Amino acid sequence: MNYRFPKEEKLKSKKCLDLLFSEGGAVSKFPLRLVYIATDLPKDVQIQAGVSVTKRRFKKAVTRNRIKRLMREAYRLHKNDVFNTISTSYAFMFLYIGKKEPTFEEIEKSMIRLLQKFLEKTNTIDAPEKE
């Protein structure tokens, strides 16, 4: 199992971000929300992911950065569950929608459930139809 989160897996493309928010699907598990879209990525990359915390709720950059760090860590530890299951490539954006500063345990529990919810939703869409 590879628990790294290399540069190639980080979502940075402005074009991909615009497409993600205009046409992407979403699943939520409080306090996290996942916006995703199936996309063409380089061969060696299956998922590109980004994290975001609203400035409206968390005024201090220190707090926003800490929450983003916790979200990245929880994703890094549990991304293999998704990598081993999906066949197409996706762009992910994790949004923190809570109002208070979370603990790592809260983020991790929510991340696990969110990824499971994503897999359930996409497996019904990606599954080949029986004729």
N, C-alpha and C. Protein backbone atom coordinates (compact mmCIF):
# COMPACT_ATOMS: atom_id res chain seq x y z
N MET A 1 0.83 -1.19 0.00
CA MET A 1 0.00 0.00 0.00
C MET A 1 0.87 1.25 0.00
N ASN A 2 0.48 2.19 -0.81
CA ASN A 2 1.23 3.43 -0.92
C ASN A 2 0.42 4.54 -0.26
N TYR A 3 0.97 5.11 0.80
CA TYR A 3 0.26 6.16 1.54
C TYR A 3 0.74 7.56 1.18
N ARG A 4 1.47 7.69 0.09
CA ARG A 4 1.98 9.00 -0.29
C ARG A 4 0.87 9.85 -0.92
N PHE A 5 1.11 11.15 -0.93
CA PHE A 5 0.22 12.08 -1.63
C PHE A 5 1.11 12.98 -2.48
N PRO A 6 1.62 12.43 -3.61
CA PRO A 6 2.60 13.15 -4.41
C PRO A 6 2.00 14.33 -5.18
N LYS A 7 2.88 15.13 -5.71
CA LYS A 7 2.53 16.33 -6.44
C LYS A 7 1.57 16.03 -7.61
N GLU A 8 1.77 14.90 -8.28
CA GLU A 8 0.95 14.54 -9.44
C GLU A 8 -0.51 14.30 -9.06
N GLU A 9 -0.78 13.97 -7.80
CA GLU A 9 -2.15 13.69 -7.35
C GLU A 9 -2.85 14.92 -6.80
N LYS A 10 -2.18 16.05 -6.80
CA LYS A 10 -2.79 17.28 -6.27
C LYS A 10 -3.50 18.02 -7.40
N LEU A 11 -4.71 18.43 -7.15
CA LEU A 11 -5.53 19.12 -8.15
C LEU A 11 -5.14 20.59 -8.19
N LYS A 12 -4.60 21.02 -9.35
CA LYS A 12 -4.14 22.40 -9.46
C LYS A 12 -4.63 23.09 -10.73
N SER A 13 -5.13 22.34 -11.68
CA SER A 13 -5.53 22.88 -12.97
C SER A 13 -6.77 23.77 -12.85
N LYS A 14 -6.65 25.01 -13.26
CA LYS A 14 -7.76 25.96 -13.22
C LYS A 14 -8.92 25.46 -14.09
N LYS A 15 -8.57 24.93 -15.25
CA LYS A 15 -9.58 24.41 -16.18
C LYS A 15 -10.36 23.25 -15.54
N CYS A 16 -9.65 22.36 -14.89
CA CYS A 16 -10.28 21.21 -14.24
C CYS A 16 -11.14 21.67 -13.05
N LEU A 17 -10.66 22.65 -12.30
CA LEU A 17 -11.43 23.18 -11.16
C LEU A 17 -12.73 23.83 -11.62
N ASP A 18 -12.66 24.61 -12.70
CA ASP A 18 -13.87 25.25 -13.23
C ASP A 18 -14.88 24.20 -13.68
N LEU A 19 -14.40 23.18 -14.37
CA LEU A 19 -15.27 22.10 -14.84
C LEU A 19 -15.86 21.33 -13.66
N LEU A 20 -15.05 21.12 -12.65
CA LEU A 20 -15.47 20.38 -11.46
C LEU A 20 -16.65 21.07 -10.78
N PHE A 21 -16.56 22.38 -10.58
CA PHE A 21 -17.62 23.10 -9.87
C PHE A 21 -18.83 23.40 -10.76
N SER A 22 -18.65 23.44 -12.07
CA SER A 22 -19.80 23.71 -12.93
C SER A 22 -20.58 22.45 -13.28
N GLU A 23 -19.89 21.31 -13.44
CA GLU A 23 -20.58 20.11 -13.90
C GLU A 23 -20.43 18.90 -12.99
N GLY A 24 -19.70 19.04 -11.89
CA GLY A 24 -19.41 17.89 -11.04
C GLY A 24 -20.57 17.46 -10.16
N GLY A 25 -20.52 16.20 -9.73
CA GLY A 25 -21.48 15.68 -8.77
C GLY A 25 -20.95 15.90 -7.36
N ALA A 26 -21.79 15.66 -6.35
CA ALA A 26 -21.35 15.90 -4.98
C ALA A 26 -21.99 14.90 -4.03
N VAL A 27 -21.24 14.58 -2.98
CA VAL A 27 -21.76 13.80 -1.86
C VAL A 27 -21.29 14.49 -0.59
N SER A 28 -22.09 14.40 0.46
CA SER A 28 -21.75 15.06 1.73
C SER A 28 -21.87 14.10 2.89
N LYS A 29 -21.00 14.28 3.83
CA LYS A 29 -21.09 13.62 5.13
C LYS A 29 -20.51 14.63 6.11
N PHE A 30 -21.41 15.27 6.85
CA PHE A 30 -21.01 16.39 7.70
C PHE A 30 -19.81 16.02 8.56
N PRO A 31 -18.81 16.84 8.63
CA PRO A 31 -18.62 18.21 8.15
C PRO A 31 -17.87 18.32 6.82
N LEU A 32 -17.86 17.26 6.01
CA LEU A 32 -17.15 17.31 4.73
C LEU A 32 -18.11 17.18 3.56
N ARG A 33 -17.69 17.75 2.43
CA ARG A 33 -18.44 17.62 1.19
C ARG A 33 -17.42 17.30 0.10
N LEU A 34 -17.75 16.35 -0.75
CA LEU A 34 -16.88 15.95 -1.84
C LEU A 34 -17.54 16.31 -3.16
N VAL A 35 -16.86 17.13 -3.95
CA VAL A 35 -17.31 17.45 -5.30
C VAL A 35 -16.39 16.68 -6.23
N TYR A 36 -16.94 15.94 -7.18
CA TYR A 36 -16.12 15.09 -8.04
C TYR A 36 -16.62 15.13 -9.47
N ILE A 37 -15.73 14.77 -10.38
CA ILE A 37 -16.09 14.64 -11.79
C ILE A 37 -15.15 13.62 -12.43
N ALA A 38 -15.69 12.79 -13.29
CA ALA A 38 -14.86 11.86 -14.06
C ALA A 38 -14.13 12.68 -15.11
N THR A 39 -12.84 12.48 -15.24
CA THR A 39 -12.05 13.30 -16.14
C THR A 39 -10.89 12.51 -16.71
N ASP A 40 -10.27 13.04 -17.74
CA ASP A 40 -9.08 12.42 -18.32
C ASP A 40 -7.85 12.97 -17.61
N LEU A 41 -7.12 12.07 -16.97
CA LEU A 41 -5.89 12.44 -16.28
C LEU A 41 -4.74 11.67 -16.90
N PRO A 42 -3.50 12.07 -16.64
CA PRO A 42 -2.37 11.29 -17.14
C PRO A 42 -2.47 9.83 -16.70
N LYS A 43 -1.88 8.92 -17.47
CA LYS A 43 -1.99 7.48 -17.23
C LYS A 43 -1.64 7.05 -15.81
N ASP A 44 -0.58 7.61 -15.28
CA ASP A 44 -0.09 7.16 -13.98
C ASP A 44 -0.90 7.72 -12.81
N VAL A 45 -1.84 8.62 -13.07
CA VAL A 45 -2.63 9.23 -12.00
C VAL A 45 -4.10 8.81 -12.15
N GLN A 46 -4.67 8.27 -11.07
CA GLN A 46 -6.06 7.83 -11.11
C GLN A 46 -6.99 8.90 -10.53
N ILE A 47 -6.52 9.60 -9.50
CA ILE A 47 -7.32 10.64 -8.85
C ILE A 47 -6.44 11.84 -8.57
N GLN A 48 -6.98 13.03 -8.83
CA GLN A 48 -6.34 14.26 -8.37
C GLN A 48 -7.29 14.88 -7.36
N ALA A 49 -6.74 15.31 -6.23
CA ALA A 49 -7.59 15.82 -5.16
C ALA A 49 -7.08 17.16 -4.64
N GLY A 50 -8.03 17.97 -4.18
CA GLY A 50 -7.72 19.25 -3.55
C GLY A 50 -8.60 19.42 -2.32
N VAL A 51 -8.20 20.33 -1.44
CA VAL A 51 -8.98 20.60 -0.23
C VAL A 51 -9.22 22.10 -0.12
N SER A 52 -10.34 22.46 0.50
CA SER A 52 -10.68 23.87 0.65
C SER A 52 -11.47 24.10 1.93
N VAL A 53 -11.20 25.25 2.55
CA VAL A 53 -11.93 25.68 3.74
C VAL A 53 -12.35 27.13 3.51
N THR A 54 -13.60 27.44 3.78
CA THR A 54 -14.11 28.78 3.51
C THR A 54 -13.53 29.83 4.46
N LYS A 55 -13.22 30.96 3.89
CA LYS A 55 -12.68 32.08 4.67
C LYS A 55 -13.80 32.77 5.45
N ARG A 56 -15.02 32.60 5.00
CA ARG A 56 -16.16 33.23 5.66
C ARG A 56 -16.34 32.72 7.08
N ARG A 57 -16.14 31.41 7.28
CA ARG A 57 -16.34 30.83 8.61
C ARG A 57 -15.09 30.84 9.47
N PHE A 58 -13.92 30.75 8.83
CA PHE A 58 -12.66 30.70 9.57
C PHE A 58 -11.78 31.85 9.10
N LYS A 59 -11.79 32.92 9.87
CA LYS A 59 -11.10 34.14 9.48
C LYS A 59 -9.58 34.01 9.49
N LYS A 60 -9.06 33.24 10.44
CA LYS A 60 -7.61 33.14 10.58
C LYS A 60 -7.04 32.06 9.66
N ALA A 61 -5.99 32.42 8.93
CA ALA A 61 -5.36 31.48 8.01
C ALA A 61 -4.78 30.27 8.74
N VAL A 62 -4.32 30.47 9.95
CA VAL A 62 -3.76 29.37 10.74
C VAL A 62 -4.81 28.27 10.94
N THR A 63 -6.01 28.66 11.25
CA THR A 63 -7.10 27.70 11.46
C THR A 63 -7.47 27.00 10.16
N ARG A 64 -7.59 27.77 9.07
CA ARG A 64 -7.92 27.19 7.76
C ARG A 64 -6.84 26.19 7.33
N ASN A 65 -5.59 26.56 7.51
CA ASN A 65 -4.49 25.69 7.11
C ASN A 65 -4.47 24.41 7.94
N ARG A 66 -4.79 24.50 9.22
CA ARG A 66 -4.81 23.32 10.07
C ARG A 66 -5.91 22.35 9.62
N ILE A 67 -7.08 22.88 9.32
CA ILE A 67 -8.19 22.04 8.87
C ILE A 67 -7.83 21.37 7.54
N LYS A 68 -7.22 22.14 6.63
CA LYS A 68 -6.81 21.57 5.35
C LYS A 68 -5.77 20.47 5.54
N ARG A 69 -4.86 20.68 6.46
CA ARG A 69 -3.83 19.68 6.75
C ARG A 69 -4.47 18.39 7.28
N LEU A 70 -5.45 18.54 8.17
CA LEU A 70 -6.16 17.37 8.70
C LEU A 70 -6.92 16.62 7.60
N MET A 71 -7.55 17.37 6.70
CA MET A 71 -8.29 16.75 5.61
C MET A 71 -7.35 16.00 4.66
N ARG A 72 -6.22 16.61 4.33
CA ARG A 72 -5.24 15.94 3.46
C ARG A 72 -4.72 14.66 4.09
N GLU A 73 -4.45 14.71 5.39
CA GLU A 73 -3.94 13.54 6.10
C GLU A 73 -4.97 12.42 6.12
N ALA A 74 -6.22 12.73 6.40
CA ALA A 74 -7.27 11.72 6.43
C ALA A 74 -7.46 11.11 5.03
N TYR A 75 -7.42 11.94 4.00
CA TYR A 75 -7.54 11.44 2.63
C TYR A 75 -6.35 10.54 2.29
N ARG A 76 -5.15 10.97 2.64
CA ARG A 76 -3.94 10.22 2.33
C ARG A 76 -3.98 8.82 2.95
N LEU A 77 -4.49 8.73 4.16
CA LEU A 77 -4.54 7.44 4.85
C LEU A 77 -5.61 6.50 4.30
N HIS A 78 -6.66 7.05 3.70
CA HIS A 78 -7.79 6.22 3.27
C HIS A 78 -8.04 6.23 1.77
N LYS A 79 -7.16 6.82 1.00
CA LYS A 79 -7.38 6.89 -0.45
C LYS A 79 -7.26 5.53 -1.14
N ASN A 80 -6.52 4.59 -0.54
CA ASN A 80 -6.35 3.28 -1.17
C ASN A 80 -7.67 2.53 -1.30
N ASP A 81 -8.62 2.79 -0.40
CA ASP A 81 -9.95 2.17 -0.50
C ASP A 81 -10.61 2.55 -1.82
N VAL A 82 -10.42 3.79 -2.24
CA VAL A 82 -11.02 4.28 -3.48
C VAL A 82 -10.20 3.81 -4.68
N PHE A 83 -8.87 3.91 -4.58
CA PHE A 83 -7.99 3.55 -5.69
C PHE A 83 -8.20 2.10 -6.13
N ASN A 84 -8.42 1.21 -5.17
CA ASN A 84 -8.56 -0.21 -5.49
C ASN A 84 -9.92 -0.55 -6.06
N THR A 85 -10.88 0.36 -5.99
CA THR A 85 -12.25 0.06 -6.39
C THR A 85 -12.65 0.68 -7.73
N ILE A 86 -12.20 1.89 -8.00
CA ILE A 86 -12.67 2.58 -9.21
C ILE A 86 -11.84 2.21 -10.44
N SER A 87 -12.44 2.36 -11.60
CA SER A 87 -11.74 2.03 -12.85
C SER A 87 -11.44 3.29 -13.67
N THR A 88 -12.23 4.33 -13.52
CA THR A 88 -12.00 5.56 -14.28
C THR A 88 -11.25 6.57 -13.41
N SER A 89 -10.77 7.64 -14.03
CA SER A 89 -10.05 8.65 -13.26
C SER A 89 -11.00 9.79 -12.88
N TYR A 90 -10.76 10.37 -11.70
CA TYR A 90 -11.62 11.41 -11.15
C TYR A 90 -10.80 12.59 -10.64
N ALA A 91 -11.45 13.74 -10.61
CA ALA A 91 -10.93 14.91 -9.92
C ALA A 91 -11.81 15.12 -8.70
N PHE A 92 -11.19 15.29 -7.53
CA PHE A 92 -11.90 15.46 -6.26
C PHE A 92 -11.61 16.84 -5.69
N MET A 93 -12.60 17.41 -5.02
CA MET A 93 -12.36 18.59 -4.19
C MET A 93 -13.12 18.35 -2.89
N PHE A 94 -12.36 18.33 -1.79
CA PHE A 94 -12.96 18.16 -0.47
C PHE A 94 -13.18 19.53 0.14
N LEU A 95 -14.41 19.81 0.56
CA LEU A 95 -14.75 21.09 1.16
C LEU A 95 -15.13 20.86 2.62
N TYR A 96 -14.65 21.72 3.50
CA TYR A 96 -15.04 21.65 4.90
C TYR A 96 -16.24 22.56 5.08
N ILE A 97 -17.38 22.01 5.51
CA ILE A 97 -18.60 22.80 5.63
C ILE A 97 -19.04 23.00 7.07
N GLY A 98 -18.24 22.53 8.02
CA GLY A 98 -18.58 22.68 9.43
C GLY A 98 -18.37 24.11 9.91
N LYS A 99 -18.84 24.39 11.13
CA LYS A 99 -18.72 25.74 11.68
C LYS A 99 -17.71 25.84 12.81
N LYS A 100 -17.27 24.69 13.33
CA LYS A 100 -16.28 24.74 14.41
C LYS A 100 -15.03 23.97 13.99
N GLU A 101 -13.94 24.28 14.65
CA GLU A 101 -12.67 23.62 14.33
C GLU A 101 -12.73 22.15 14.78
N PRO A 102 -12.48 21.22 13.85
CA PRO A 102 -12.64 19.79 14.17
C PRO A 102 -11.37 19.16 14.74
N THR A 103 -11.53 17.97 15.28
CA THR A 103 -10.38 17.16 15.68
C THR A 103 -10.07 16.22 14.52
N PHE A 104 -8.90 15.60 14.57
CA PHE A 104 -8.53 14.67 13.50
C PHE A 104 -9.49 13.48 13.47
N GLU A 105 -9.91 13.02 14.62
CA GLU A 105 -10.81 11.86 14.68
C GLU A 105 -12.13 12.15 13.97
N GLU A 106 -12.67 13.35 14.16
CA GLU A 106 -13.92 13.73 13.49
C GLU A 106 -13.73 13.76 11.97
N ILE A 107 -12.64 14.36 11.54
CA ILE A 107 -12.35 14.45 10.10
C ILE A 107 -12.15 13.06 9.51
N GLU A 108 -11.39 12.23 10.20
CA GLU A 108 -11.10 10.89 9.69
C GLU A 108 -12.37 10.04 9.57
N LYS A 109 -13.21 10.08 10.59
CA LYS A 109 -14.46 9.32 10.57
C LYS A 109 -15.36 9.80 9.42
N SER A 110 -15.44 11.10 9.26
CA SER A 110 -16.25 11.67 8.19
C SER A 110 -15.67 11.33 6.81
N MET A 111 -14.34 11.35 6.70
CA MET A 111 -13.67 11.04 5.43
C MET A 111 -13.94 9.60 5.01
N ILE A 112 -13.87 8.67 5.94
CA ILE A 112 -14.14 7.26 5.64
C ILE A 112 -15.56 7.10 5.13
N ARG A 113 -16.52 7.68 5.83
CA ARG A 113 -17.93 7.57 5.42
C ARG A 113 -18.19 8.27 4.09
N LEU A 114 -17.52 9.40 3.88
CA LEU A 114 -17.69 10.15 2.64
C LEU A 114 -17.17 9.35 1.45
N LEU A 115 -16.01 8.74 1.59
CA LEU A 115 -15.45 7.93 0.50
C LEU A 115 -16.32 6.70 0.23
N GLN A 116 -16.88 6.10 1.27
CA GLN A 116 -17.79 4.97 1.09
C GLN A 116 -19.05 5.42 0.34
N LYS A 117 -19.55 6.57 0.71
CA LYS A 117 -20.75 7.12 0.06
C LYS A 117 -20.46 7.41 -1.43
N PHE A 118 -19.27 7.95 -1.70
CA PHE A 118 -18.86 8.20 -3.09
C PHE A 118 -18.82 6.90 -3.89
N LEU A 119 -18.22 5.86 -3.30
CA LEU A 119 -18.13 4.57 -4.00
C LEU A 119 -19.51 3.98 -4.27
N GLU A 120 -20.42 4.09 -3.30
CA GLU A 120 -21.78 3.59 -3.49
C GLU A 120 -22.47 4.34 -4.63
N LYS A 121 -22.31 5.65 -4.66
CA LYS A 121 -22.97 6.46 -5.68
C LYS A 121 -22.39 6.20 -7.07
N THR A 122 -21.07 6.11 -7.17
CA THR A 122 -20.45 5.92 -8.48
C THR A 122 -20.56 4.49 -8.97
N ASN A 123 -20.61 3.52 -8.08
CA ASN A 123 -20.75 2.13 -8.52
C ASN A 123 -22.09 1.90 -9.19
N THR A 124 -23.12 2.62 -8.76
CA THR A 124 -24.42 2.47 -9.42
C THR A 124 -24.41 3.15 -10.78
N ILE A 125 -23.59 4.19 -10.92
CA ILE A 125 -23.50 4.91 -12.20
C ILE A 125 -22.55 4.19 -13.15
N ASP A 126 -21.36 3.79 -12.64
CA ASP A 126 -20.33 3.18 -13.48
C ASP A 126 -20.60 1.72 -13.82
N ALA A 127 -21.47 1.08 -13.06
CA ALA A 127 -21.70 -0.35 -13.27
C ALA A 127 -22.29 -0.59 -14.66
N PRO A 128 -21.75 -1.59 -15.36
CA PRO A 128 -22.30 -1.88 -16.69
C PRO A 128 -23.73 -2.40 -16.57
N GLU A 129 -24.56 -1.95 -17.47
CA GLU A 129 -25.97 -2.34 -17.43
C GLU A 129 -26.13 -3.74 -17.99
N LYS A 130 -26.97 -4.54 -17.36
CA LYS A 130 -27.23 -5.90 -17.83
C LYS A 130 -28.37 -5.86 -18.84
N GLU A 131 -28.15 -6.56 -19.93
CA GLU A 131 -29.17 -6.58 -20.98
C GLU A 131 -29.92 -7.88 -20.99
